[in-house]
All heavy atoms as atom14 arrays in JSON, in Angstrom:
{
  "sequence": "VLKRDDYKQVIVDSLKFLVAQERCEVYAFVIMPNHIHLIWQINQHH",
  "atom14_mask": [
    [1, 1, 1, 1, 1, 1, 1, 0, 0, 0, 0, 0, 0, 0],
    [1, 1, 1, 1, 1, 1, 1, 1, 0, 0, 0, 0, 0, 0],
    [1, 1, 1, 1, 1, 1, 1, 1, 1, 0, 0, 0, 0, 0],
    [1, 1, 1, 1, 1, 1, 1, 1, 1, 1, 1, 0, 0, 0],
    [1, 1, 1, 1, 1, 1, 1, 1, 0, 0, 0, 0, 0, 0],
    [1, 1, 1, 1, 1, 1, 1, 1, 0, 0, 0, 0, 0, 0],
    [1, 1, 1, 1, 1, 1, 1, 1, 1, 1, 1, 1, 0, 0],
    [1, 1, 1, 1, 1, 1, 1, 1, 1, 0, 0, 0, 0, 0],
    [1, 1, 1, 1, 1, 1, 1, 1, 1, 0, 0, 0, 0, 0],
    [1, 1, 1, 1, 1, 1, 1, 0, 0, 0, 0, 0, 0, 0],
    [1, 1, 1, 1, 1, 1, 1, 1, 0, 0, 0, 0, 0, 0],
    [1, 1, 1, 1, 1, 1, 1, 0, 0, 0, 0, 0, 0, 0],
    [1, 1, 1, 1, 1, 1, 1, 1, 0, 0, 0, 0, 0, 0],
    [1, 1, 1, 1, 1, 1, 0, 0, 0, 0, 0, 0, 0, 0],
    [1, 1, 1, 1, 1, 1, 1, 1, 0, 0, 0, 0, 0, 0],
    [1, 1, 1, 1, 1, 1, 1, 1, 1, 0, 0, 0, 0, 0],
    [1, 1, 1, 1, 1, 1, 1, 1, 1, 1, 1, 0, 0, 0],
    [1, 1, 1, 1, 1, 1, 1, 1, 0, 0, 0, 0, 0, 0],
    [1, 1, 1, 1, 1, 1, 1, 0, 0, 0, 0, 0, 0, 0],
    [1, 1, 1, 1, 1, 0, 0, 0, 0, 0, 0, 0, 0, 0],
    [1, 1, 1, 1, 1, 1, 1, 1, 1, 0, 0, 0, 0, 0],
    [1, 1, 1, 1, 1, 1, 1, 1, 1, 0, 0, 0, 0, 0],
    [1, 1, 1, 1, 1, 1, 1, 1, 1, 1, 1, 0, 0, 0],
    [1, 1, 1, 1, 1, 1, 0, 0, 0, 0, 0, 0, 0, 0],
    [1, 1, 1, 1, 1, 1, 1, 1, 1, 0, 0, 0, 0, 0],
    [1, 1, 1, 1, 1, 1, 1, 0, 0, 0, 0, 0, 0, 0],
    [1, 1, 1, 1, 1, 1, 1, 1, 1, 1, 1, 1, 0, 0],
    [1, 1, 1, 1, 1, 0, 0, 0, 0, 0, 0, 0, 0, 0],
    [1, 1, 1, 1, 1, 1, 1, 1, 1, 1, 1, 0, 0, 0],
    [1, 1, 1, 1, 1, 1, 1, 0, 0, 0, 0, 0, 0, 0],
    [1, 1, 1, 1, 1, 1, 1, 1, 0, 0, 0, 0, 0, 0],
    [1, 1, 1, 1, 1, 1, 1, 1, 0, 0, 0, 0, 0, 0],
    [1, 1, 1, 1, 1, 1, 1, 0, 0, 0, 0, 0, 0, 0],
    [1, 1, 1, 1, 1, 1, 1, 1, 0, 0, 0, 0, 0, 0],
    [1, 1, 1, 1, 1, 1, 1, 1, 1, 1, 0, 0, 0, 0],
    [1, 1, 1, 1, 1, 1, 1, 1, 0, 0, 0, 0, 0, 0],
    [1, 1, 1, 1, 1, 1, 1, 1, 1, 1, 0, 0, 0, 0],
    [1, 1, 1, 1, 1, 1, 1, 1, 0, 0, 0, 0, 0, 0],
    [1, 1, 1, 1, 1, 1, 1, 1, 0, 0, 0, 0, 0, 0],
    [1, 1, 1, 1, 1, 1, 1, 1, 1, 1, 1, 1, 1, 1],
    [1, 1, 1, 1, 1, 1, 1, 1, 1, 0, 0, 0, 0, 0],
    [1, 1, 1, 1, 1, 1, 1, 1, 0, 0, 0, 0, 0, 0],
    [1, 1, 1, 1, 1, 1, 1, 1, 0, 0, 0, 0, 0, 0],
    [1, 1, 1, 1, 1, 1, 1, 1, 1, 0, 0, 0, 0, 0],
    [1, 1, 1, 1, 1, 1, 1, 1, 1, 1, 0, 0, 0, 0],
    [1, 1, 1, 1, 1, 1, 1, 1, 1, 1, 0, 0, 0, 0]
  ],
  "atom14_positions": [
    [[100.1, 93.79, 50.67], [99.45, 93.88, 49.4], [100.49, 94.08, 48.23], [100.3, 93.63, 47.07], [98.36, 95.01, 49.28], [98.95, 96.37, 49.31], [97.47, 94.75, 48.17], [0.0, 0.0, 0.0], [0.0, 0.0, 0.0], [0.0, 0.0, 0.0], [0.0, 0.0, 0.0], [0.0, 0.0, 0.0], [0.0, 0.0, 0.0], [0.0, 0.0, 0.0]],
    [[101.68, 94.69, 48.57], [102.69, 94.91, 47.56], [103.64, 93.67, 47.27], [104.61, 93.83, 46.58], [103.56, 96.14, 47.99], [102.84, 97.38, 48.04], [103.77, 98.58, 48.58], [102.12, 97.78, 46.68], [0.0, 0.0, 0.0], [0.0, 0.0, 0.0], [0.0, 0.0, 0.0], [0.0, 0.0, 0.0], [0.0, 0.0, 0.0], [0.0, 0.0, 0.0]],
    [[103.1, 92.57, 47.83], [103.9, 91.25, 47.67], [103.81, 90.85, 46.06], [104.88, 90.39, 45.67], [103.36, 90.26, 48.45], [104.18, 88.99, 48.67], [103.69, 88.07, 49.76], [104.66, 87.03, 50.09], [104.15, 86.28, 51.19], [0.0, 0.0, 0.0], [0.0, 0.0, 0.0], [0.0, 0.0, 0.0], [0.0, 0.0, 0.0], [0.0, 0.0, 0.0]],
    [[102.76, 91.3, 45.49], [102.58, 90.87, 44.08], [103.34, 91.92, 43.21], [103.14, 93.12, 43.41], [101.06, 90.78, 43.71], [100.39, 89.58, 44.36], [98.94, 89.67, 44.09], [98.61, 89.95, 42.63], [98.15, 89.13, 41.8], [97.84, 87.88, 42.15], [97.97, 89.47, 40.47], [0.0, 0.0, 0.0], [0.0, 0.0, 0.0], [0.0, 0.0, 0.0]],
    [[103.86, 91.43, 42.07], [104.57, 92.25, 41.26], [103.71, 93.27, 40.55], [104.11, 94.36, 40.21], [105.37, 91.47, 40.28], [106.65, 90.82, 40.79], [106.88, 91.15, 42.04], [107.32, 89.98, 40.12], [0.0, 0.0, 0.0], [0.0, 0.0, 0.0], [0.0, 0.0, 0.0], [0.0, 0.0, 0.0], [0.0, 0.0, 0.0], [0.0, 0.0, 0.0]],
    [[102.45, 92.87, 40.17], [101.61, 93.87, 39.55], [101.25, 95.1, 40.29], [101.04, 96.12, 39.86], [100.36, 93.16, 38.93], [99.58, 92.29, 39.89], [100.13, 91.86, 40.93], [98.33, 92.1, 39.73], [0.0, 0.0, 0.0], [0.0, 0.0, 0.0], [0.0, 0.0, 0.0], [0.0, 0.0, 0.0], [0.0, 0.0, 0.0], [0.0, 0.0, 0.0]],
    [[101.14, 94.87, 41.62], [100.96, 95.97, 42.52], [102.32, 96.8, 42.65], [102.17, 98.06, 42.82], [100.4, 95.51, 43.89], [99.02, 94.77, 43.81], [98.87, 93.57, 44.16], [98.07, 95.53, 43.21], [97.75, 92.91, 44.08], [96.79, 94.79, 43.09], [96.64, 93.56, 43.43], [95.4, 92.94, 43.38], [0.0, 0.0, 0.0], [0.0, 0.0, 0.0]],
    [[103.27, 96.17, 42.73], [104.58, 96.9, 42.8], [104.75, 97.81, 41.45], [105.22, 98.84, 41.51], [105.81, 95.96, 42.8], [106.01, 95.2, 44.13], [107.27, 94.42, 44.09], [107.32, 93.39, 45.23], [106.83, 92.15, 44.93], [0.0, 0.0, 0.0], [0.0, 0.0, 0.0], [0.0, 0.0, 0.0], [0.0, 0.0, 0.0], [0.0, 0.0, 0.0]],
    [[104.36, 97.19, 40.33], [104.33, 97.98, 39.08], [103.53, 99.24, 39.09], [103.99, 100.21, 38.5], [104.02, 97.03, 37.96], [104.34, 97.59, 36.51], [105.82, 97.77, 36.39], [106.67, 96.89, 36.75], [106.14, 99.01, 35.83], [0.0, 0.0, 0.0], [0.0, 0.0, 0.0], [0.0, 0.0, 0.0], [0.0, 0.0, 0.0], [0.0, 0.0, 0.0]],
    [[102.44, 99.17, 39.88], [101.61, 100.49, 40.07], [102.6, 101.64, 40.63], [102.52, 102.79, 40.21], [100.48, 100.27, 41.03], [99.83, 101.48, 41.4], [99.49, 99.32, 40.26], [0.0, 0.0, 0.0], [0.0, 0.0, 0.0], [0.0, 0.0, 0.0], [0.0, 0.0, 0.0], [0.0, 0.0, 0.0], [0.0, 0.0, 0.0], [0.0, 0.0, 0.0]],
    [[103.35, 101.22, 41.52], [104.26, 102.23, 42.2], [105.24, 102.71, 41.13], [105.56, 103.99, 41.12], [105.0, 101.54, 43.52], [104.03, 100.96, 44.5], [105.86, 102.64, 44.04], [103.06, 101.95, 45.17], [0.0, 0.0, 0.0], [0.0, 0.0, 0.0], [0.0, 0.0, 0.0], [0.0, 0.0, 0.0], [0.0, 0.0, 0.0], [0.0, 0.0, 0.0]],
    [[105.97, 101.75, 40.51], [106.95, 102.06, 39.47], [106.32, 102.95, 38.4], [106.93, 104.04, 38.05], [107.47, 100.83, 38.91], [108.38, 101.05, 37.69], [108.3, 100.06, 39.86], [0.0, 0.0, 0.0], [0.0, 0.0, 0.0], [0.0, 0.0, 0.0], [0.0, 0.0, 0.0], [0.0, 0.0, 0.0], [0.0, 0.0, 0.0], [0.0, 0.0, 0.0]],
    [[105.13, 102.64, 37.98], [104.57, 103.5, 36.91], [104.24, 104.89, 37.4], [104.3, 105.87, 36.66], [103.25, 102.77, 36.37], [103.6, 101.53, 35.53], [104.81, 101.31, 35.11], [102.68, 100.74, 35.42], [0.0, 0.0, 0.0], [0.0, 0.0, 0.0], [0.0, 0.0, 0.0], [0.0, 0.0, 0.0], [0.0, 0.0, 0.0], [0.0, 0.0, 0.0]],
    [[103.8, 104.95, 38.72], [103.54, 106.28, 39.22], [104.71, 107.14, 39.29], [104.73, 108.31, 39.06], [102.81, 106.15, 40.56], [102.38, 107.37, 41.06], [0.0, 0.0, 0.0], [0.0, 0.0, 0.0], [0.0, 0.0, 0.0], [0.0, 0.0, 0.0], [0.0, 0.0, 0.0], [0.0, 0.0, 0.0], [0.0, 0.0, 0.0], [0.0, 0.0, 0.0]],
    [[105.79, 106.5, 39.76], [107.07, 107.25, 39.95], [107.52, 107.76, 38.54], [108.07, 108.88, 38.32], [108.17, 106.44, 40.59], [107.96, 106.07, 42.08], [108.99, 105.17, 42.58], [107.94, 107.42, 42.84], [0.0, 0.0, 0.0], [0.0, 0.0, 0.0], [0.0, 0.0, 0.0], [0.0, 0.0, 0.0], [0.0, 0.0, 0.0], [0.0, 0.0, 0.0]],
    [[107.55, 106.88, 37.56], [107.81, 107.23, 36.19], [107.0, 108.4, 35.64], [107.55, 109.42, 35.1], [107.52, 106.04, 35.3], [108.16, 106.07, 33.89], [107.76, 104.91, 33.03], [108.19, 103.58, 33.71], [107.81, 102.44, 32.81], [0.0, 0.0, 0.0], [0.0, 0.0, 0.0], [0.0, 0.0, 0.0], [0.0, 0.0, 0.0], [0.0, 0.0, 0.0]],
    [[105.72, 108.35, 35.96], [104.83, 109.46, 35.53], [105.29, 110.76, 36.24], [105.35, 111.85, 35.6], [103.43, 109.05, 35.92], [102.43, 110.26, 35.7], [101.94, 110.52, 34.37], [102.02, 111.15, 36.71], [101.09, 111.53, 34.02], [101.21, 112.18, 36.38], [100.7, 112.31, 35.03], [0.0, 0.0, 0.0], [0.0, 0.0, 0.0], [0.0, 0.0, 0.0]],
    [[105.49, 110.78, 37.53], [105.88, 111.99, 38.28], [107.21, 112.56, 37.74], [107.3, 113.78, 37.73], [105.97, 111.68, 39.73], [104.7, 111.39, 40.49], [105.01, 110.98, 41.92], [103.77, 112.64, 40.49], [0.0, 0.0, 0.0], [0.0, 0.0, 0.0], [0.0, 0.0, 0.0], [0.0, 0.0, 0.0], [0.0, 0.0, 0.0], [0.0, 0.0, 0.0]],
    [[108.08, 111.74, 37.34], [109.34, 112.22, 36.85], [109.17, 112.79, 35.39], [109.67, 113.86, 35.09], [110.43, 111.06, 36.77], [111.75, 111.5, 35.97], [110.9, 110.76, 38.2], [0.0, 0.0, 0.0], [0.0, 0.0, 0.0], [0.0, 0.0, 0.0], [0.0, 0.0, 0.0], [0.0, 0.0, 0.0], [0.0, 0.0, 0.0], [0.0, 0.0, 0.0]],
    [[108.37, 112.18, 34.55], [108.02, 112.54, 33.29], [107.34, 113.98, 33.31], [107.53, 114.69, 32.48], [107.21, 111.46, 32.47], [0.0, 0.0, 0.0], [0.0, 0.0, 0.0], [0.0, 0.0, 0.0], [0.0, 0.0, 0.0], [0.0, 0.0, 0.0], [0.0, 0.0, 0.0], [0.0, 0.0, 0.0], [0.0, 0.0, 0.0], [0.0, 0.0, 0.0]],
    [[106.46, 114.11, 34.29], [105.75, 115.37, 34.43], [106.58, 116.41, 35.2], [106.17, 117.55, 35.46], [104.49, 115.14, 35.2], [103.49, 114.23, 34.51], [102.89, 114.93, 33.2], [102.54, 116.02, 33.35], [103.09, 114.31, 32.09], [0.0, 0.0, 0.0], [0.0, 0.0, 0.0], [0.0, 0.0, 0.0], [0.0, 0.0, 0.0], [0.0, 0.0, 0.0]],
    [[107.86, 116.16, 35.45], [108.82, 117.08, 36.12], [108.28, 117.55, 37.47], [108.53, 118.61, 37.87], [109.07, 118.19, 35.27], [109.79, 117.75, 33.9], [110.23, 118.92, 33.05], [109.9, 120.13, 33.31], [110.81, 118.61, 32.05], [0.0, 0.0, 0.0], [0.0, 0.0, 0.0], [0.0, 0.0, 0.0], [0.0, 0.0, 0.0], [0.0, 0.0, 0.0]],
    [[107.68, 116.66, 38.17], [107.12, 116.92, 39.56], [108.24, 116.44, 40.57], [108.17, 117.09, 41.7], [105.83, 116.3, 39.75], [104.65, 116.81, 38.86], [103.43, 116.24, 39.11], [102.89, 116.87, 40.33], [101.82, 116.42, 40.99], [101.1, 115.5, 40.52], [101.39, 117.1, 42.08], [0.0, 0.0, 0.0], [0.0, 0.0, 0.0], [0.0, 0.0, 0.0]],
    [[109.08, 115.66, 40.18], [110.11, 115.23, 41.16], [111.25, 114.48, 40.47], [111.2, 114.23, 39.26], [109.52, 114.23, 42.22], [109.16, 112.6, 41.56], [0.0, 0.0, 0.0], [0.0, 0.0, 0.0], [0.0, 0.0, 0.0], [0.0, 0.0, 0.0], [0.0, 0.0, 0.0], [0.0, 0.0, 0.0], [0.0, 0.0, 0.0], [0.0, 0.0, 0.0]],
    [[112.34, 114.36, 41.14], [113.47, 113.62, 40.79], [113.52, 112.37, 41.72], [113.3, 112.57, 42.88], [114.81, 114.32, 40.81], [114.83, 115.58, 40.03], [114.8, 115.5, 38.63], [115.02, 114.28, 38.13], [114.5, 116.48, 37.84], [0.0, 0.0, 0.0], [0.0, 0.0, 0.0], [0.0, 0.0, 0.0], [0.0, 0.0, 0.0], [0.0, 0.0, 0.0]],
    [[113.66, 111.2, 41.17], [113.79, 109.89, 42.03], [115.24, 109.45, 42.01], [115.74, 109.18, 40.95], [112.81, 108.77, 41.57], [112.99, 107.6, 42.51], [111.45, 109.33, 41.69], [0.0, 0.0, 0.0], [0.0, 0.0, 0.0], [0.0, 0.0, 0.0], [0.0, 0.0, 0.0], [0.0, 0.0, 0.0], [0.0, 0.0, 0.0], [0.0, 0.0, 0.0]],
    [[115.92, 109.34, 43.16], [117.3, 108.96, 43.31], [117.43, 107.53, 43.68], [118.38, 106.91, 43.35], [118.03, 109.83, 44.2], [118.14, 111.29, 43.74], [117.34, 112.38, 44.31], [118.95, 111.71, 42.71], [117.34, 113.65, 43.9], [119.05, 113.02, 42.19], [118.18, 113.94, 42.8], [118.27, 115.27, 42.42], [0.0, 0.0, 0.0], [0.0, 0.0, 0.0]],
    [[116.42, 106.99, 44.43], [116.55, 105.65, 44.94], [115.09, 105.25, 45.37], [114.3, 105.97, 45.88], [117.55, 105.52, 46.01], [0.0, 0.0, 0.0], [0.0, 0.0, 0.0], [0.0, 0.0, 0.0], [0.0, 0.0, 0.0], [0.0, 0.0, 0.0], [0.0, 0.0, 0.0], [0.0, 0.0, 0.0], [0.0, 0.0, 0.0], [0.0, 0.0, 0.0]],
    [[114.94, 103.92, 45.4], [113.68, 103.43, 45.92], [113.85, 101.89, 46.13], [114.71, 101.2, 45.79], [112.55, 103.52, 44.91], [112.57, 102.64, 43.74], [111.74, 101.46, 43.68], [113.38, 102.89, 42.62], [111.77, 100.54, 42.7], [113.45, 101.91, 41.65], [112.69, 100.81, 41.64], [0.0, 0.0, 0.0], [0.0, 0.0, 0.0], [0.0, 0.0, 0.0]],
    [[112.93, 101.43, 46.95], [112.64, 100.0, 47.31], [111.28, 99.83, 47.57], [110.53, 100.6, 48.25], [113.63, 99.43, 48.43], [113.24, 99.95, 49.72], [113.59, 97.87, 48.27], [0.0, 0.0, 0.0], [0.0, 0.0, 0.0], [0.0, 0.0, 0.0], [0.0, 0.0, 0.0], [0.0, 0.0, 0.0], [0.0, 0.0, 0.0], [0.0, 0.0, 0.0]],
    [[110.61, 98.76, 47.0], [109.24, 98.53, 47.22], [109.14, 97.14, 48.02], [109.58, 96.07, 47.31], [108.38, 98.36, 45.93], [108.55, 99.64, 45.11], [106.93, 98.1, 46.16], [108.07, 99.61, 43.61], [0.0, 0.0, 0.0], [0.0, 0.0, 0.0], [0.0, 0.0, 0.0], [0.0, 0.0, 0.0], [0.0, 0.0, 0.0], [0.0, 0.0, 0.0]],
    [[108.75, 97.27, 49.2], [108.72, 96.03, 50.03], [107.29, 95.51, 50.06], [106.4, 96.2, 49.53], [109.17, 96.36, 51.41], [110.6, 96.93, 51.4], [111.93, 95.68, 50.91], [111.8, 94.57, 52.29], [0.0, 0.0, 0.0], [0.0, 0.0, 0.0], [0.0, 0.0, 0.0], [0.0, 0.0, 0.0], [0.0, 0.0, 0.0], [0.0, 0.0, 0.0]],
    [[106.95, 94.35, 50.6], [105.52, 93.69, 50.63], [104.56, 94.8, 51.22], [103.45, 94.69, 50.82], [105.78, 92.46, 51.41], [107.17, 92.13, 51.14], [108.01, 93.28, 51.08], [0.0, 0.0, 0.0], [0.0, 0.0, 0.0], [0.0, 0.0, 0.0], [0.0, 0.0, 0.0], [0.0, 0.0, 0.0], [0.0, 0.0, 0.0], [0.0, 0.0, 0.0]],
    [[104.91, 95.5, 52.24], [103.95, 96.37, 52.87], [104.4, 97.84, 53.04], [103.75, 98.51, 53.86], [103.57, 95.8, 54.19], [104.69, 95.67, 55.14], [105.78, 96.16, 54.96], [104.54, 94.84, 56.32], [0.0, 0.0, 0.0], [0.0, 0.0, 0.0], [0.0, 0.0, 0.0], [0.0, 0.0, 0.0], [0.0, 0.0, 0.0], [0.0, 0.0, 0.0]],
    [[105.42, 98.26, 52.5], [105.93, 99.61, 52.5], [106.83, 99.95, 51.4], [107.26, 99.05, 50.65], [106.58, 99.91, 53.95], [107.84, 99.21, 54.18], [107.93, 97.99, 54.38], [109.1, 99.7, 54.14], [109.24, 97.66, 54.74], [109.83, 98.69, 54.51], [0.0, 0.0, 0.0], [0.0, 0.0, 0.0], [0.0, 0.0, 0.0], [0.0, 0.0, 0.0]],
    [[107.01, 101.27, 51.21], [108.03, 101.69, 50.15], [108.99, 102.76, 50.94], [108.51, 103.48, 51.8], [107.28, 102.38, 49.0], [106.55, 103.6, 49.4], [106.49, 101.36, 48.26], [105.99, 104.35, 48.34], [0.0, 0.0, 0.0], [0.0, 0.0, 0.0], [0.0, 0.0, 0.0], [0.0, 0.0, 0.0], [0.0, 0.0, 0.0], [0.0, 0.0, 0.0]],
    [[110.12, 102.74, 50.3], [111.16, 103.86, 50.75], [111.49, 104.54, 49.41], [111.88, 103.81, 48.39], [112.39, 103.27, 51.35], [112.12, 102.6, 52.8], [111.68, 103.21, 53.83], [112.38, 101.33, 53.06], [111.6, 102.39, 54.82], [112.05, 101.23, 54.47], [0.0, 0.0, 0.0], [0.0, 0.0, 0.0], [0.0, 0.0, 0.0], [0.0, 0.0, 0.0]],
    [[111.65, 105.79, 49.4], [112.08, 106.6, 48.31], [113.21, 107.58, 48.85], [113.04, 108.03, 49.98], [111.07, 107.43, 47.67], [109.72, 106.71, 47.14], [108.75, 107.77, 46.76], [110.09, 105.84, 46.12], [0.0, 0.0, 0.0], [0.0, 0.0, 0.0], [0.0, 0.0, 0.0], [0.0, 0.0, 0.0], [0.0, 0.0, 0.0], [0.0, 0.0, 0.0]],
    [[114.05, 107.86, 47.98], [114.97, 109.17, 48.08], [114.52, 109.85, 46.8], [114.77, 109.41, 45.76], [116.36, 108.77, 48.16], [116.72, 107.92, 49.42], [117.19, 110.0, 48.24], [118.2, 107.49, 49.58], [0.0, 0.0, 0.0], [0.0, 0.0, 0.0], [0.0, 0.0, 0.0], [0.0, 0.0, 0.0], [0.0, 0.0, 0.0], [0.0, 0.0, 0.0]],
    [[113.87, 111.03, 47.07], [113.47, 111.9, 46.0], [113.57, 113.29, 46.33], [113.75, 113.64, 47.42], [112.02, 111.37, 45.56], [110.96, 111.68, 46.54], [111.03, 112.17, 47.8], [109.45, 111.47, 46.24], [109.79, 112.19, 48.34], [108.8, 111.86, 47.43], [108.73, 111.11, 45.22], [107.44, 111.8, 47.54], [107.47, 111.08, 45.25], [106.71, 111.35, 46.42]],
    [[113.39, 114.06, 45.26], [113.38, 115.53, 45.51], [112.13, 116.05, 44.8], [112.0, 115.91, 43.51], [114.56, 116.15, 45.03], [114.62, 117.69, 45.3], [115.97, 118.34, 44.76], [116.62, 117.83, 43.78], [116.25, 119.39, 45.36], [0.0, 0.0, 0.0], [0.0, 0.0, 0.0], [0.0, 0.0, 0.0], [0.0, 0.0, 0.0], [0.0, 0.0, 0.0]],
    [[111.31, 116.79, 45.39], [110.18, 117.43, 44.78], [110.75, 118.61, 44.02], [111.4, 119.43, 44.58], [109.05, 117.8, 45.88], [108.64, 116.6, 46.64], [107.95, 118.42, 45.12], [108.18, 115.48, 45.86], [0.0, 0.0, 0.0], [0.0, 0.0, 0.0], [0.0, 0.0, 0.0], [0.0, 0.0, 0.0], [0.0, 0.0, 0.0], [0.0, 0.0, 0.0]],
    [[110.27, 118.79, 42.81], [110.8, 119.96, 42.03], [110.22, 121.27, 42.49], [109.14, 121.3, 43.14], [110.55, 119.77, 40.54], [111.41, 118.63, 39.96], [112.51, 118.38, 40.5], [110.9, 118.13, 38.83], [0.0, 0.0, 0.0], [0.0, 0.0, 0.0], [0.0, 0.0, 0.0], [0.0, 0.0, 0.0], [0.0, 0.0, 0.0], [0.0, 0.0, 0.0]],
    [[111.02, 122.32, 42.3], [110.83, 123.59, 42.88], [109.44, 124.09, 42.75], [108.86, 124.81, 43.43], [111.91, 124.51, 42.32], [111.83, 125.89, 43.05], [112.98, 126.75, 42.56], [113.9, 126.29, 41.84], [113.01, 127.99, 43.08], [0.0, 0.0, 0.0], [0.0, 0.0, 0.0], [0.0, 0.0, 0.0], [0.0, 0.0, 0.0], [0.0, 0.0, 0.0]],
    [[108.82, 123.94, 41.47], [107.54, 124.57, 41.22], [106.39, 123.77, 41.72], [105.2, 123.99, 41.21], [107.38, 124.95, 39.69], [108.53, 125.92, 39.27], [108.64, 127.15, 39.67], [109.62, 125.62, 38.48], [109.56, 127.7, 39.17], [110.24, 126.84, 38.35], [0.0, 0.0, 0.0], [0.0, 0.0, 0.0], [0.0, 0.0, 0.0], [0.0, 0.0, 0.0]],
    [[106.56, 122.87, 42.63], [105.42, 121.88, 43.13], [105.61, 121.99, 44.61], [106.63, 121.97, 45.16], [105.64, 120.61, 42.62], [105.47, 120.49, 41.15], [104.22, 120.55, 40.48], [106.36, 120.45, 40.04], [104.49, 120.45, 39.11], [105.71, 120.43, 38.88], [0.0, 0.0, 0.0], [0.0, 0.0, 0.0], [0.0, 0.0, 0.0], [0.0, 0.0, 0.0]]
  ]
}
């Protein structure tokens, strides 16, 4: 389902939101057609 760019953008927008809300730091990512990989760190107060 993530083959389409508009669905990939959902993932990107969500990561952007989580960072803006200081819930995590995102160091790396890749969005593949059927899975995602992240390198992230959840912030201490969450």
